[in-house]
Amino acid sequence: TDIYKDSKQNQIIEMALAGFEKGDIKIKCGPNKSLTISCDSSTEKESERFPRRIAKRKFQKTFIDYHNQLDFAKIKASFKNGLLTVTIPPVDIDEFPTIDIE
């Protein structure tokens, strides 16, 4: 798993998930600005080359935005050639409300 910011300050999460398919992957936003990525492909299948079964694994990983700097409503994800890329843009400063004091 690689986590970094691009030139537009988007938070990028890249995960190499070779052997998994797009339908095996679930991405859920949770409370407190958390993002959970899970994969489950525990079906067994026979290998054509060798007389043995190959079982895939399952996992779950959670990422938390402790500084409240990311806009979870605008998350984008793609899965191509075994690489999952999740892009989370930063919160626009203009979106923070101003509080009037009575």
Protein backbone atom coordinates (compact mmCIF):
# COMPACT_ATOMS: atom_id res chain seq x y z
CA THR A 1 0.00 0.00 0.00
CA ASP A 2 1.29 3.43 -0.98
CA ILE A 3 -0.22 6.66 0.36
CA TYR A 4 0.85 10.03 -0.97
CA LYS A 5 -0.40 13.45 -2.12
CA ASP A 6 -0.36 14.46 -5.76
CA SER A 7 0.29 17.94 -7.17
CA LYS A 8 -3.35 18.96 -6.55
CA GLN A 9 -3.07 17.91 -2.87
CA ASN A 10 -5.35 14.90 -3.45
CA GLN A 11 -4.67 12.03 -1.07
CA ILE A 12 -3.86 8.95 -3.18
CA ILE A 13 -4.07 5.39 -1.85
CA GLU A 14 -2.66 2.70 -4.14
CA MET A 15 -2.95 -0.99 -3.35
CA ALA A 16 -1.56 -3.85 -5.43
CA LEU A 17 -4.31 -6.49 -5.47
CA ALA A 18 -3.09 -9.06 -7.97
CA GLY A 19 -5.41 -12.03 -8.26
CA PHE A 20 -8.49 -10.12 -7.10
CA GLU A 21 -11.27 -8.94 -9.37
CA LYS A 22 -13.17 -5.66 -9.28
CA GLY A 23 -16.23 -7.38 -7.77
CA ASP A 24 -14.16 -8.71 -4.85
CA ILE A 25 -13.30 -5.21 -3.61
CA LYS A 26 -15.52 -3.10 -1.33
CA ILE A 27 -14.82 0.48 -0.30
CA LYS A 28 -16.91 2.00 2.48
CA CYS A 29 -16.84 5.38 4.20
CA GLY A 30 -17.44 5.16 7.91
CA PRO A 31 -17.88 7.45 10.88
CA ASN A 32 -15.18 9.92 11.89
CA LYS A 33 -13.84 10.33 8.33
CA SER A 34 -12.73 6.73 7.96
CA LEU A 35 -12.37 4.73 4.75
CA THR A 36 -12.35 0.93 4.80
CA ILE A 37 -11.11 -1.13 1.89
CA SER A 38 -11.85 -4.85 2.04
CA CYS A 39 -11.39 -7.76 -0.34
CA ASP A 40 -12.93 -11.18 -0.13
CA SER A 41 -12.29 -13.78 -2.76
CA SER A 42 -12.03 -16.92 -0.71
CA THR A 43 -13.38 -19.18 -3.44
CA GLU A 44 -11.10 -22.06 -4.28
CA LYS A 45 -10.35 -23.09 -7.83
CA GLU A 46 -8.33 -25.80 -9.46
CA SER A 47 -5.14 -24.80 -11.16
CA GLU A 48 -4.96 -26.04 -14.73
CA ARG A 49 -1.20 -26.56 -14.64
CA PHE A 50 -0.90 -28.27 -11.26
CA PRO A 51 -3.26 -30.66 -9.47
CA ARG A 52 -3.73 -28.45 -6.41
CA ARG A 53 -6.20 -25.91 -5.17
CA ILE A 54 -5.38 -22.22 -4.94
CA ALA A 55 -7.27 -20.34 -2.22
CA LYS A 56 -7.31 -16.56 -2.29
CA ARG A 57 -7.15 -14.56 0.89
CA LYS A 58 -9.31 -11.82 2.32
CA PHE A 59 -8.36 -8.67 4.19
CA GLN A 60 -9.62 -5.35 5.51
CA LYS A 61 -7.71 -2.09 5.93
CA THR A 62 -9.03 1.17 7.41
CA PHE A 63 -7.66 4.66 6.82
CA ILE A 64 -8.65 7.62 9.02
CA ASP A 65 -8.42 11.34 8.24
CA TYR A 66 -7.39 12.61 11.67
CA HIS A 67 -6.96 16.20 10.49
CA ASN A 68 -10.33 16.51 8.67
CA GLN A 69 -8.63 17.77 5.52
CA LEU A 70 -10.21 15.35 3.01
CA ASP A 71 -13.57 15.51 1.23
CA PHE A 72 -15.03 12.02 1.57
CA ALA A 73 -18.09 12.95 -0.52
CA LYS A 74 -15.90 13.25 -3.63
CA ILE A 75 -13.88 10.02 -3.44
CA LYS A 76 -13.04 8.33 -6.74
CA ALA A 77 -11.69 4.80 -7.17
CA SER A 78 -10.38 2.79 -10.09
CA PHE A 79 -9.10 -0.75 -10.49
CA LYS A 80 -6.87 -1.52 -13.45
CA ASN A 81 -4.37 -4.34 -14.02
CA GLY A 82 -4.47 -5.40 -10.35
CA LEU A 83 -3.85 -1.88 -8.99
CA LEU A 84 -6.56 -0.19 -6.90
CA THR A 85 -6.24 3.60 -6.86
CA VAL A 86 -8.39 5.65 -4.48
CA THR A 87 -8.30 9.45 -4.86
CA ILE A 88 -9.61 11.66 -2.06
CA PRO A 89 -9.62 15.40 -2.80
CA PRO A 90 -8.92 17.99 -0.10
CA VAL A 91 -11.74 19.93 1.50
CA ASP A 92 -12.23 23.36 -0.06
CA ILE A 93 -11.46 26.02 2.53
CA ASP A 94 -14.52 27.96 1.32
CA GLU A 95 -16.78 25.11 2.48
CA PHE A 96 -16.15 25.74 6.18
CA PRO A 97 -19.09 27.68 7.63
CA THR A 98 -18.76 30.96 9.47
CA ILE A 99 -20.44 31.03 12.88
CA ASP A 100 -22.12 34.22 14.00
CA ILE A 101 -21.91 34.96 17.72
CA GLU A 102 -25.15 36.08 19.35
